[in-house]
C-alpha atoms as a PDB file:
ATOM      1  CA  MET A   1      42.336  46.370  -0.777  1.00  0.00           C
ATOM      2  CA  THR A   2      42.107  43.441  -2.763  1.00  0.00           C
ATOM      3  CA  GLN A   3      44.787  42.285  -5.392  1.00  0.00           C
ATOM      4  CA  SER A   4      42.927  42.258  -8.892  1.00  0.00           C
ATOM      5  CA  ALA A   5      42.756  38.797 -10.584  1.00  0.00           C
ATOM      6  CA  PRO A   6      45.505  37.151 -12.840  1.00  0.00           C
ATOM      7  CA  ARG A   7      43.862  38.075 -16.722  1.00  0.00           C
ATOM      8  CA  THR A   8      43.758  35.057 -18.818  1.00  0.00           C
ATOM      9  CA  THR A   9      42.999  34.999 -22.779  1.00  0.00           C
ATOM     10  CA  ILE A  10      40.017  32.551 -23.014  1.00  0.00           C
ATOM     11  CA  SER A  11      39.549  32.558 -26.499  1.00  0.00           C
ATOM     12  CA  ASP A  12      41.771  34.308 -29.981  1.00  0.00           C
ATOM     13  CA  GLY A  13      39.460  36.499 -32.295  1.00  0.00           C
ATOM     14  CA  PHE A  14      36.330  38.191 -32.190  1.00  0.00           C
ATOM     15  CA  CYS A  15      34.348  37.467 -28.605  1.00  0.00           C
ATOM     16  CA  VAL A  16      30.855  38.349 -28.135  1.00  0.00           C
ATOM     17  CA  LEU A  17      28.484  38.538 -25.524  1.00  0.00           C
ATOM     18  CA  LEU A  18      24.725  37.909 -26.075  1.00  0.00           C
ATOM     19  CA  ALA A  19      22.284  39.738 -23.979  1.00  0.00           C
ATOM     20  CA  ASP A  20      18.412  38.637 -24.751  1.00  0.00           C
ATOM     21  CA  ASP A  21      15.597  37.616 -22.022  1.00  0.00           C
ATOM     22  CA  HIS A  22      14.724  34.747 -24.676  1.00  0.00           C
ATOM     23  CA  ALA A  23      16.749  31.582 -24.290  1.00  0.00           C
ATOM     24  CA  LEU A  24      15.260  30.733 -27.531  1.00  0.00           C
ATOM     25  CA  MET A  25      16.679  33.844 -29.321  1.00  0.00           C
ATOM     26  CA  ARG A  26      19.786  32.720 -27.660  1.00  0.00           C
ATOM     27  CA  GLN A  27      20.175  29.562 -28.820  1.00  0.00           C
ATOM     28  CA  ILE A  28      19.012  31.001 -32.608  1.00  0.00           C
ATOM     29  CA  LEU A  29      21.931  33.594 -32.051  1.00  0.00           C
ATOM     30  CA  ARG A  30      24.746  31.272 -30.874  1.00  0.00           C
ATOM     31  CA  ALA A  31      23.808  29.122 -33.952  1.00  0.00           C
ATOM     32  CA  ILE A  32      24.043  31.604 -36.486  1.00  0.00           C
ATOM     33  CA  LEU A  33      27.402  33.249 -34.828  1.00  0.00           C
ATOM     34  CA  GLU A  34      28.974  29.400 -34.358  1.00  0.00           C
ATOM     35  CA  SER A  35      28.750  29.555 -38.041  1.00  0.00           C
ATOM     36  CA  TYR A  36      31.882  32.572 -38.273  1.00  0.00           C
ATOM     37  CA  PRO A  37      35.393  32.007 -38.357  1.00  0.00           C
ATOM     38  CA  LYS A  38      37.289  33.303 -34.979  1.00  0.00           C
ATOM     39  CA  LEU A  39      34.123  34.560 -33.591  1.00  0.00           C
ATOM     40  CA  SER A  40      33.479  32.790 -30.212  1.00  0.00           C
ATOM     41  CA  ILE A  41      30.204  33.714 -28.036  1.00  0.00           C
ATOM     42  CA  ILE A  42      32.204  34.310 -24.425  1.00  0.00           C
ATOM     43  CA  GLY A  43      28.827  34.382 -22.402  1.00  0.00           C
ATOM     44  CA  GLU A  44      25.118  34.614 -22.501  1.00  0.00           C
ATOM     45  CA  ALA A  45      23.015  37.011 -20.523  1.00  0.00           C
ATOM     46  CA  ALA A  46      19.594  37.211 -19.521  1.00  0.00           C
ATOM     47  CA  ASN A  47      18.797  40.781 -18.813  1.00  0.00           C
ATOM     48  CA  GLY A  48      20.595  43.847 -19.105  1.00  0.00           C
ATOM     49  CA  MET A  49      22.365  44.119 -15.142  1.00  0.00           C
ATOM     50  CA  GLU A  50      23.741  40.584 -16.232  1.00  0.00           C
ATOM     51  CA  ALA A  51      24.830  42.031 -19.855  1.00  0.00           C
ATOM     52  CA  VAL A  52      26.221  45.065 -17.548  1.00  0.00           C
ATOM     53  CA  GLU A  53      28.262  42.877 -14.995  1.00  0.00           C
ATOM     54  CA  MET A  54      29.217  39.714 -17.678  1.00  0.00           C
ATOM     55  CA  ALA A  55      30.450  42.572 -20.069  1.00  0.00           C
ATOM     56  CA  ALA A  56      32.286  44.006 -16.910  1.00  0.00           C
ATOM     57  CA  ALA A  57      34.135  40.615 -16.174  1.00  0.00           C
ATOM     58  CA  LEU A  58      34.105  39.014 -19.668  1.00  0.00           C
ATOM     59  CA  LYS A  59      35.549  42.206 -21.710  1.00  0.00           C
ATOM     60  CA  PRO A  60      33.468  41.153 -25.040  1.00  0.00           C
ATOM     61  CA  ASN A  61      34.744  42.763 -28.018  1.00  0.00           C
ATOM     62  CA  GLY A  62      31.287  42.908 -29.249  1.00  0.00           C
ATOM     63  CA  ILE A  63      27.864  42.729 -28.130  1.00  0.00           C
ATOM     64  CA  ILE A  64      24.498  41.228 -29.690  1.00  0.00           C
ATOM     65  CA  MET A  65      21.881  43.274 -26.826  1.00  0.00           C
ATOM     66  CA  ASP A  66      17.846  42.845 -27.133  1.00  0.00           C
ATOM     67  CA  VAL A  67      16.589  46.421 -26.527  1.00  0.00           C
ATOM     68  CA  ASN A  68      13.539  45.210 -24.466  1.00  0.00           C
ATOM     69  CA  MET A  69      14.439  43.117 -21.475  1.00  0.00           C
ATOM     70  CA  PRO A  70      13.984  43.099 -17.478  1.00  0.00           C
ATOM     71  CA  LYS A  71      15.356  44.443 -14.731  1.00  0.00           C
ATOM     72  CA  MET A  72      17.172  46.677 -17.286  1.00  0.00           C
ATOM     73  CA  ASP A  73      16.671  47.598 -20.962  1.00  0.00           C
ATOM     74  CA  GLY A  74      19.221  47.290 -23.841  1.00  0.00           C
ATOM     75  CA  ILE A  75      19.232  50.648 -24.305  1.00  0.00           C
ATOM     76  CA  GLN A  76      20.307  51.877 -20.552  1.00  0.00           C
ATOM     77  CA  ALA A  77      22.406  48.507 -20.570  1.00  0.00           C
ATOM     78  CA  THR A  78      24.346  49.951 -23.520  1.00  0.00           C
ATOM     79  CA  LYS A  79      24.684  53.149 -22.583  1.00  0.00           C
ATOM     80  CA  GLN A  80      26.368  51.638 -18.964  1.00  0.00           C
ATOM     81  CA  ILE A  81      28.800  49.249 -20.919  1.00  0.00           C
ATOM     82  CA  LYS A  82      29.896  52.118 -23.686  1.00  0.00           C
ATOM     83  CA  ALA A  83      30.443  54.462 -20.581  1.00  0.00           C
ATOM     84  CA  ALA A  84      32.615  51.695 -19.210  1.00  0.00           C
ATOM     85  CA  GLN A  85      34.132  50.580 -21.814  1.00  0.00           C
ATOM     86  CA  PRO A  86      33.700  52.297 -25.036  1.00  0.00           C
ATOM     87  CA  ALA A  87      35.465  50.052 -27.328  1.00  0.00           C
ATOM     88  CA  ILE A  88      33.113  47.077 -27.303  1.00  0.00           C
ATOM     89  CA  SER A  89      30.594  47.200 -29.961  1.00  0.00           C
ATOM     90  CA  VAL A  90      26.674  46.905 -29.590  1.00  0.00           C
ATOM     91  CA  ILE A  91      24.351  45.496 -32.128  1.00  0.00           C
ATOM     92  CA  GLY A  92      20.614  46.412 -31.071  1.00  0.00           C
ATOM     93  CA  LEU A  93      17.821  43.976 -31.665  1.00  0.00           C
ATOM     94  CA  SER A  94      14.243  44.614 -31.598  1.00  0.00           C
ATOM     95  CA  VAL A  95      10.909  43.363 -32.671  1.00  0.00           C
ATOM     96  CA  ILE A  96       9.661  47.045 -32.466  1.00  0.00           C
ATOM     97  CA  ASP A  97      10.222  48.854 -35.413  1.00  0.00           C
ATOM     98  CA  ASP A  98      10.344  51.981 -34.340  1.00  0.00           C
ATOM     99  CA  LYS A  99      11.867  55.253 -35.212  1.00  0.00           C
ATOM    100  CA  HIS A 100      12.646  56.418 -31.395  1.00  0.00           C
ATOM    101  CA  VAL A 101      13.965  53.030 -30.149  1.00  0.00           C
ATOM    102  CA  THR A 102      16.107  53.097 -32.856  1.00  0.00           C
ATOM    103  CA  GLU A 103      17.220  56.465 -32.144  1.00  0.00           C
ATOM    104  CA  ALA A 104      17.831  55.984 -28.352  1.00  0.00           C
ATOM    105  CA  MET A 105      19.723  52.257 -28.817  1.00  0.00           C
ATOM    106  CA  LYS A 106      21.994  53.948 -31.734  1.00  0.00           C
ATOM    107  CA  GLY A 107      21.847  57.286 -28.770  1.00  0.00           C
ATOM    108  CA  ALA A 108      22.932  54.974 -26.188  1.00  0.00           C
ATOM    109  CA  GLY A 109      25.794  53.956 -27.979  1.00  0.00           C
ATOM    110  CA  ALA A 110      25.285  50.715 -30.237  1.00  0.00           C
ATOM    111  CA  GLU A 111      26.479  50.763 -34.333  1.00  0.00           C
ATOM    112  CA  ALA A 112      23.010  49.438 -35.654  1.00  0.00           C
ATOM    113  CA  VAL A 113      19.774  48.370 -34.559  1.00  0.00           C
ATOM    114  CA  LEU A 114      18.075  45.399 -36.344  1.00  0.00           C
ATOM    115  CA  LEU A 115      15.090  44.104 -36.140  1.00  0.00           C
ATOM    116  CA  LYS A 116      14.956  40.163 -35.081  1.00  0.00           C
ATOM    117  CA  ASP A 117      12.644  39.049 -37.950  1.00  0.00           C
ATOM    118  CA  GLU A 118      15.189  40.421 -40.128  1.00  0.00           C
ATOM    119  CA  LEU A 119      18.005  38.374 -38.561  1.00  0.00           C
ATOM    120  CA  LYS A 120      19.886  37.832 -42.272  1.00  0.00           C
ATOM    121  CA  LYS A 121      21.379  41.544 -42.214  1.00  0.00           C
ATOM    122  CA  LEU A 122      23.048  40.219 -38.743  1.00  0.00           C
ATOM    123  CA  ASP A 123      25.038  38.580 -41.382  1.00  0.00           C
ATOM    124  CA  GLU A 124      26.678  41.697 -42.639  1.00  0.00           C
ATOM    125  CA  ALA A 125      27.748  42.750 -39.284  1.00  0.00           C
ATOM    126  CA  MET A 126      28.838  39.356 -38.231  1.00  0.00           C
ATOM    127  CA  ARG A 127      30.684  39.092 -41.669  1.00  0.00           C
ATOM    128  CA  ARG A 128      32.515  42.144 -40.740  1.00  0.00           C
ATOM    129  CA  TRP A 129      33.623  41.037 -36.759  1.00  0.00           C
ATOM    130  CA  SER A 130      34.786  37.814 -38.217  1.00  0.00           C
ATOM    131  CA  ALA A 131      36.823  39.857 -40.950  1.00  0.00           C
ATOM    132  CA  ASP A 132      37.976  41.968 -38.226  1.00  0.00           C
ATOM    133  CA  ALA A 133      39.361  39.223 -35.692  1.00  0.00           C
ATOM    134  CA  LEU A 134      41.086  37.396 -38.681  1.00  0.00           C
ATOM    135  CA  ASN A 135      42.745  41.234 -39.687  1.00  0.00           C
ATOM    136  CA  GLN A 136      44.044  41.488 -36.187  1.00  0.00           C
ATOM    137  CA  SER A 137      45.548  39.381 -33.590  1.00  0.00           C
ATOM    138  CA  SER A 138      42.622  40.127 -30.976  1.00  0.00           C
ATOM    139  CA  SER A 139      41.671  38.184 -28.214  1.00  0.00           C
ATOM    140  CA  CYS A 140      39.409  38.290 -25.381  1.00  0.00           C
ATOM    141  CA  GLU A 141      40.518  38.177 -21.993  1.00  0.00           C
ATOM    142  CA  THR A 142      38.712  37.992 -18.731  1.00  0.00           C
ATOM    143  CA  GLU A 143      39.293  37.738 -15.040  1.00  0.00           C
ATOM    144  CA  PHE A 144      39.398  34.667 -13.011  1.00  0.00           C
ATOM    145  CA  PRO A 145      38.926  34.868  -9.145  1.00  0.00           C
ATOM    146  CA  ASP A 146      41.476  33.086  -7.002  1.00  0.00           C
END
């Protein structure tokens, strides 16, 4: 049996994982999120499998999750993440304005599903996450291997 790695606080505030298969979209999201106090981007995943692995390793407070990604879609990734860590907040992003996609993502555990061409609506969620971080002494912890 291996020893568990020491837990190390890496950021004060609300820690966010970005999951999108398009690097440009991750850059746009990063630029938006960096303008909010107490929000820290702690990782970027390019597919659903990476999102699941990174969520387990980094323990973010929230994830912005693309619905359509390779290897594992955002719906399945959200289901797995929420099953393992139900306290993580997930906001889905989609290019498709489809009621079934929204229902599936919310059924997987996402708080909301936003269209990528309506990123202004992301502002409300980020304000709430930032306010939550300011009102709490939350921090993001991760395990670093020895």
